[in-house]
N, C-alpha and C. Protein backbone atom coordinates (compact mmCIF):
# COMPACT_ATOMS: atom_id res chain seq x y z
N MET A 1 -220.06 -13.15 -78.94
CA MET A 1 -219.20 -12.46 -79.88
C MET A 1 -218.39 -13.49 -80.66
N SER A 2 -217.94 -13.07 -81.80
CA SER A 2 -217.05 -13.90 -82.60
C SER A 2 -215.79 -13.10 -82.91
N VAL A 3 -214.76 -13.81 -83.35
CA VAL A 3 -213.49 -13.16 -83.70
C VAL A 3 -213.31 -13.24 -85.21
N ALA A 4 -213.01 -12.10 -85.81
CA ALA A 4 -212.74 -12.04 -87.25
C ALA A 4 -211.38 -11.38 -87.46
N LEU A 5 -210.74 -11.74 -88.55
CA LEU A 5 -209.42 -11.19 -88.88
C LEU A 5 -209.50 -10.27 -90.09
N SER A 6 -208.76 -9.17 -90.01
CA SER A 6 -208.62 -8.31 -91.19
C SER A 6 -207.69 -8.99 -92.18
N LYS A 7 -207.68 -8.52 -93.39
CA LYS A 7 -206.76 -9.03 -94.40
C LYS A 7 -205.32 -8.87 -93.92
N ARG A 8 -205.05 -7.74 -93.31
CA ARG A 8 -203.70 -7.46 -92.80
C ARG A 8 -203.29 -8.48 -91.73
N ALA A 9 -204.21 -8.82 -90.82
CA ALA A 9 -203.92 -9.81 -89.78
C ALA A 9 -203.71 -11.20 -90.39
N GLU A 10 -204.49 -11.53 -91.42
CA GLU A 10 -204.32 -12.82 -92.10
C GLU A 10 -202.94 -12.92 -92.74
N ILE A 11 -202.50 -11.84 -93.36
CA ILE A 11 -201.17 -11.82 -93.98
C ILE A 11 -200.09 -11.96 -92.91
N ALA A 12 -200.26 -11.27 -91.79
CA ALA A 12 -199.30 -11.37 -90.69
C ALA A 12 -199.22 -12.80 -90.17
N LEU A 13 -200.35 -13.47 -90.04
CA LEU A 13 -200.36 -14.87 -89.58
C LEU A 13 -199.54 -15.76 -90.52
N ARG A 14 -199.72 -15.56 -91.81
CA ARG A 14 -199.02 -16.39 -92.79
C ARG A 14 -197.51 -16.18 -92.77
N SER A 15 -197.07 -15.04 -92.27
CA SER A 15 -195.63 -14.74 -92.28
C SER A 15 -194.92 -15.19 -91.00
N LEU A 16 -195.65 -15.72 -90.03
CA LEU A 16 -195.05 -16.13 -88.76
C LEU A 16 -194.34 -17.47 -88.86
N SER A 17 -193.36 -17.66 -87.98
CA SER A 17 -192.72 -18.98 -87.85
C SER A 17 -193.75 -19.95 -87.28
N GLN A 18 -193.47 -21.23 -87.36
CA GLN A 18 -194.41 -22.23 -86.85
C GLN A 18 -194.69 -22.02 -85.36
N LEU A 19 -193.65 -21.73 -84.59
CA LEU A 19 -193.82 -21.52 -83.15
C LEU A 19 -194.68 -20.29 -82.86
N GLU A 20 -194.39 -19.18 -83.54
CA GLU A 20 -195.18 -17.97 -83.33
C GLU A 20 -196.60 -18.13 -83.85
N LEU A 21 -196.77 -18.87 -84.94
CA LEU A 21 -198.11 -19.14 -85.45
C LEU A 21 -198.93 -19.90 -84.41
N LYS A 22 -198.31 -20.89 -83.80
CA LYS A 22 -199.00 -21.67 -82.77
C LYS A 22 -199.42 -20.76 -81.61
N ARG A 23 -198.54 -19.87 -81.19
CA ARG A 23 -198.85 -18.94 -80.10
C ARG A 23 -199.96 -17.96 -80.49
N ALA A 24 -199.89 -17.47 -81.72
CA ALA A 24 -200.91 -16.53 -82.18
C ALA A 24 -202.28 -17.20 -82.26
N LEU A 25 -202.32 -18.42 -82.77
CA LEU A 25 -203.60 -19.14 -82.86
C LEU A 25 -204.16 -19.43 -81.47
N LYS A 26 -203.29 -19.76 -80.53
CA LYS A 26 -203.73 -19.98 -79.15
C LYS A 26 -204.31 -18.69 -78.57
N ALA A 27 -203.66 -17.56 -78.83
CA ALA A 27 -204.15 -16.28 -78.35
C ALA A 27 -205.49 -15.91 -78.99
N LEU A 28 -205.64 -16.21 -80.27
CA LEU A 28 -206.92 -15.96 -80.95
C LEU A 28 -208.03 -16.80 -80.33
N ASP A 29 -207.73 -18.05 -80.02
CA ASP A 29 -208.71 -18.91 -79.35
C ASP A 29 -209.08 -18.35 -77.99
N GLU A 30 -208.08 -17.84 -77.27
CA GLU A 30 -208.33 -17.27 -75.94
C GLU A 30 -209.20 -16.02 -76.05
N LEU A 31 -208.92 -15.16 -77.01
CA LEU A 31 -209.77 -13.98 -77.23
C LEU A 31 -211.20 -14.39 -77.55
N ASP A 32 -211.34 -15.39 -78.39
CA ASP A 32 -212.66 -15.89 -78.75
C ASP A 32 -213.39 -16.42 -77.51
N ARG A 33 -212.69 -17.19 -76.70
CA ARG A 33 -213.29 -17.75 -75.49
C ARG A 33 -213.72 -16.62 -74.55
N GLN A 34 -212.85 -15.66 -74.35
CA GLN A 34 -213.18 -14.54 -73.46
C GLN A 34 -214.36 -13.75 -74.00
N SER A 35 -214.41 -13.55 -75.30
CA SER A 35 -215.49 -12.75 -75.87
C SER A 35 -216.84 -13.44 -75.74
N ARG A 36 -216.85 -14.75 -75.68
CA ARG A 36 -218.10 -15.50 -75.56
C ARG A 36 -218.55 -15.71 -74.12
N ASN A 37 -217.60 -15.80 -73.20
CA ASN A 37 -217.94 -16.21 -71.84
C ASN A 37 -217.86 -15.14 -70.77
N GLU A 38 -217.27 -14.02 -71.07
CA GLU A 38 -217.05 -13.02 -70.03
C GLU A 38 -217.46 -11.64 -70.53
N SER A 39 -217.84 -10.81 -69.59
CA SER A 39 -218.26 -9.45 -69.96
C SER A 39 -217.07 -8.52 -70.19
N ARG A 40 -215.88 -8.91 -69.66
CA ARG A 40 -214.68 -8.11 -69.85
C ARG A 40 -213.53 -9.00 -70.28
N PHE A 41 -212.61 -8.40 -71.01
CA PHE A 41 -211.41 -9.12 -71.43
C PHE A 41 -210.34 -9.02 -70.35
N HIS A 42 -209.56 -10.06 -70.20
CA HIS A 42 -208.43 -10.06 -69.27
C HIS A 42 -207.14 -9.94 -70.07
N ASP A 43 -206.12 -9.36 -69.46
CA ASP A 43 -204.80 -9.22 -70.08
C ASP A 43 -204.86 -8.41 -71.38
N VAL A 44 -205.72 -7.41 -71.40
CA VAL A 44 -205.89 -6.56 -72.57
C VAL A 44 -205.59 -5.13 -72.16
N SER A 45 -204.89 -4.40 -73.02
CA SER A 45 -204.63 -2.99 -72.74
C SER A 45 -205.20 -2.12 -73.85
N ARG A 46 -205.60 -0.92 -73.47
CA ARG A 46 -206.15 0.04 -74.43
C ARG A 46 -205.00 0.63 -75.22
N VAL A 47 -205.18 0.80 -76.51
CA VAL A 47 -204.17 1.40 -77.38
C VAL A 47 -204.70 2.76 -77.83
N ASN A 48 -203.96 3.80 -77.55
CA ASN A 48 -204.38 5.14 -77.93
C ASN A 48 -203.76 5.52 -79.27
N VAL A 49 -204.54 5.37 -80.32
CA VAL A 49 -204.12 5.71 -81.67
C VAL A 49 -205.25 6.51 -82.31
N GLY A 50 -205.09 7.81 -82.36
CA GLY A 50 -206.13 8.63 -82.94
C GLY A 50 -207.44 8.48 -82.19
N SER A 51 -208.53 8.47 -82.93
CA SER A 51 -209.85 8.35 -82.31
C SER A 51 -210.37 6.91 -82.29
N GLU A 52 -209.58 5.99 -82.84
CA GLU A 52 -210.01 4.59 -82.88
C GLU A 52 -209.95 3.97 -81.50
N LYS A 53 -210.93 3.12 -81.20
CA LYS A 53 -210.92 2.37 -79.94
C LYS A 53 -210.28 1.02 -80.22
N LEU A 54 -208.97 0.95 -79.97
CA LEU A 54 -208.22 -0.27 -80.21
C LEU A 54 -207.70 -0.83 -78.90
N PHE A 55 -207.49 -2.14 -78.91
CA PHE A 55 -206.98 -2.84 -77.74
C PHE A 55 -205.85 -3.76 -78.19
N ALA A 56 -204.97 -4.11 -77.25
CA ALA A 56 -203.86 -5.01 -77.55
C ALA A 56 -203.90 -6.19 -76.59
N TYR A 57 -203.69 -7.37 -77.13
CA TYR A 57 -203.63 -8.60 -76.36
C TYR A 57 -202.27 -9.21 -76.60
N LYS A 58 -201.56 -9.52 -75.53
CA LYS A 58 -200.20 -10.07 -75.64
C LYS A 58 -200.29 -11.56 -75.96
N ALA A 59 -199.99 -11.91 -77.21
CA ALA A 59 -200.05 -13.30 -77.64
C ALA A 59 -198.80 -14.06 -77.21
N SER A 60 -197.68 -13.36 -77.16
CA SER A 60 -196.40 -13.93 -76.73
C SER A 60 -195.47 -12.76 -76.44
N GLU A 61 -194.24 -13.06 -76.05
CA GLU A 61 -193.27 -11.99 -75.83
C GLU A 61 -193.04 -11.19 -77.11
N ARG A 62 -193.25 -11.81 -78.25
CA ARG A 62 -192.96 -11.17 -79.54
C ARG A 62 -194.18 -10.74 -80.34
N LEU A 63 -195.37 -11.02 -79.86
CA LEU A 63 -196.56 -10.71 -80.66
C LEU A 63 -197.65 -10.01 -79.86
N ARG A 64 -198.28 -9.03 -80.50
CA ARG A 64 -199.45 -8.36 -79.94
C ARG A 64 -200.58 -8.46 -80.96
N LEU A 65 -201.74 -8.85 -80.51
CA LEU A 65 -202.93 -8.83 -81.35
C LEU A 65 -203.61 -7.49 -81.10
N VAL A 66 -203.75 -6.69 -82.12
CA VAL A 66 -204.40 -5.39 -82.01
C VAL A 66 -205.81 -5.56 -82.57
N PHE A 67 -206.81 -5.23 -81.74
CA PHE A 67 -208.19 -5.50 -82.16
C PHE A 67 -209.14 -4.40 -81.73
N SER A 68 -210.31 -4.42 -82.34
CA SER A 68 -211.41 -3.54 -81.97
C SER A 68 -212.61 -4.41 -81.65
N VAL A 69 -213.57 -3.82 -80.97
CA VAL A 69 -214.80 -4.53 -80.63
C VAL A 69 -215.96 -3.68 -81.12
N ALA A 70 -216.80 -4.26 -81.96
CA ALA A 70 -217.95 -3.53 -82.48
C ALA A 70 -219.02 -4.52 -82.94
N GLU A 71 -220.25 -4.13 -82.73
CA GLU A 71 -221.39 -4.91 -83.21
C GLU A 71 -221.30 -6.38 -82.80
N GLY A 72 -220.92 -6.62 -81.56
CA GLY A 72 -220.88 -7.98 -81.07
C GLY A 72 -219.78 -8.84 -81.65
N ARG A 73 -218.71 -8.20 -82.11
CA ARG A 73 -217.64 -8.96 -82.75
C ARG A 73 -216.27 -8.37 -82.41
N VAL A 74 -215.32 -9.26 -82.20
CA VAL A 74 -213.92 -8.86 -82.02
C VAL A 74 -213.28 -8.90 -83.41
N PHE A 75 -212.70 -7.79 -83.82
CA PHE A 75 -212.09 -7.70 -85.14
C PHE A 75 -210.60 -7.47 -84.96
N VAL A 76 -209.79 -8.48 -85.27
CA VAL A 76 -208.34 -8.36 -85.13
C VAL A 76 -207.83 -7.55 -86.32
N GLU A 77 -207.34 -6.37 -86.02
CA GLU A 77 -206.88 -5.44 -87.05
C GLU A 77 -205.50 -5.82 -87.57
N ASP A 78 -204.61 -6.25 -86.64
CA ASP A 78 -203.24 -6.57 -87.04
C ASP A 78 -202.58 -7.43 -85.97
N ILE A 79 -201.50 -8.08 -86.36
CA ILE A 79 -200.67 -8.86 -85.45
C ILE A 79 -199.27 -8.28 -85.59
N LEU A 80 -198.76 -7.73 -84.49
CA LEU A 80 -197.53 -6.94 -84.55
C LEU A 80 -196.43 -7.48 -83.66
N ASN A 81 -195.18 -7.29 -84.10
CA ASN A 81 -194.05 -7.58 -83.23
C ASN A 81 -193.81 -6.32 -82.38
N PRO A 82 -192.94 -6.38 -81.37
CA PRO A 82 -192.75 -5.22 -80.49
C PRO A 82 -192.33 -3.94 -81.22
N ASP A 83 -191.48 -4.04 -82.22
CA ASP A 83 -191.06 -2.84 -82.96
C ASP A 83 -192.24 -2.20 -83.70
N GLN A 84 -193.03 -3.02 -84.36
CA GLN A 84 -194.20 -2.51 -85.07
C GLN A 84 -195.20 -1.89 -84.10
N TYR A 85 -195.40 -2.56 -82.98
CA TYR A 85 -196.33 -2.06 -81.97
C TYR A 85 -195.85 -0.71 -81.42
N GLN A 86 -194.55 -0.62 -81.16
CA GLN A 86 -193.98 0.63 -80.64
C GLN A 86 -194.18 1.76 -81.64
N ARG A 87 -193.95 1.50 -82.91
CA ARG A 87 -194.15 2.53 -83.94
C ARG A 87 -195.62 2.95 -84.00
N MET A 88 -196.52 1.99 -83.82
CA MET A 88 -197.94 2.29 -83.91
C MET A 88 -198.39 3.20 -82.77
N VAL A 89 -197.93 2.92 -81.57
CA VAL A 89 -198.40 3.67 -80.41
C VAL A 89 -197.43 4.76 -79.96
N GLY A 90 -196.20 4.73 -80.50
CA GLY A 90 -195.23 5.75 -80.16
C GLY A 90 -194.62 5.61 -78.77
N ARG A 91 -194.58 4.37 -78.29
CA ARG A 91 -193.96 4.11 -76.99
C ARG A 91 -193.43 2.69 -76.97
N LYS A 92 -192.70 2.33 -75.92
CA LYS A 92 -192.17 0.97 -75.80
C LYS A 92 -193.28 -0.03 -75.62
N ALA A 93 -193.15 -1.20 -76.29
CA ALA A 93 -194.14 -2.27 -76.15
C ALA A 93 -193.74 -3.19 -75.03
């Protein structure tokens, strides 16, 4: 599998501080590594939003990578802070 970013996730990356950017890039590398080497992801939770099959990966205390998996590819839909994540799922992040 490979990891791809949506336009929205790319914009979110560009808006991060240097420290958060470093953490997000490390988390993206980890997702990529897991997608290539393992049959299951670790430290990932299912996100219930409508009928979409979305997952969240904790990049740091302040960031969640929200992604889907389809056609042999991990597609990062968005990179969210806890408030944004809470609004998306309707519960505490």
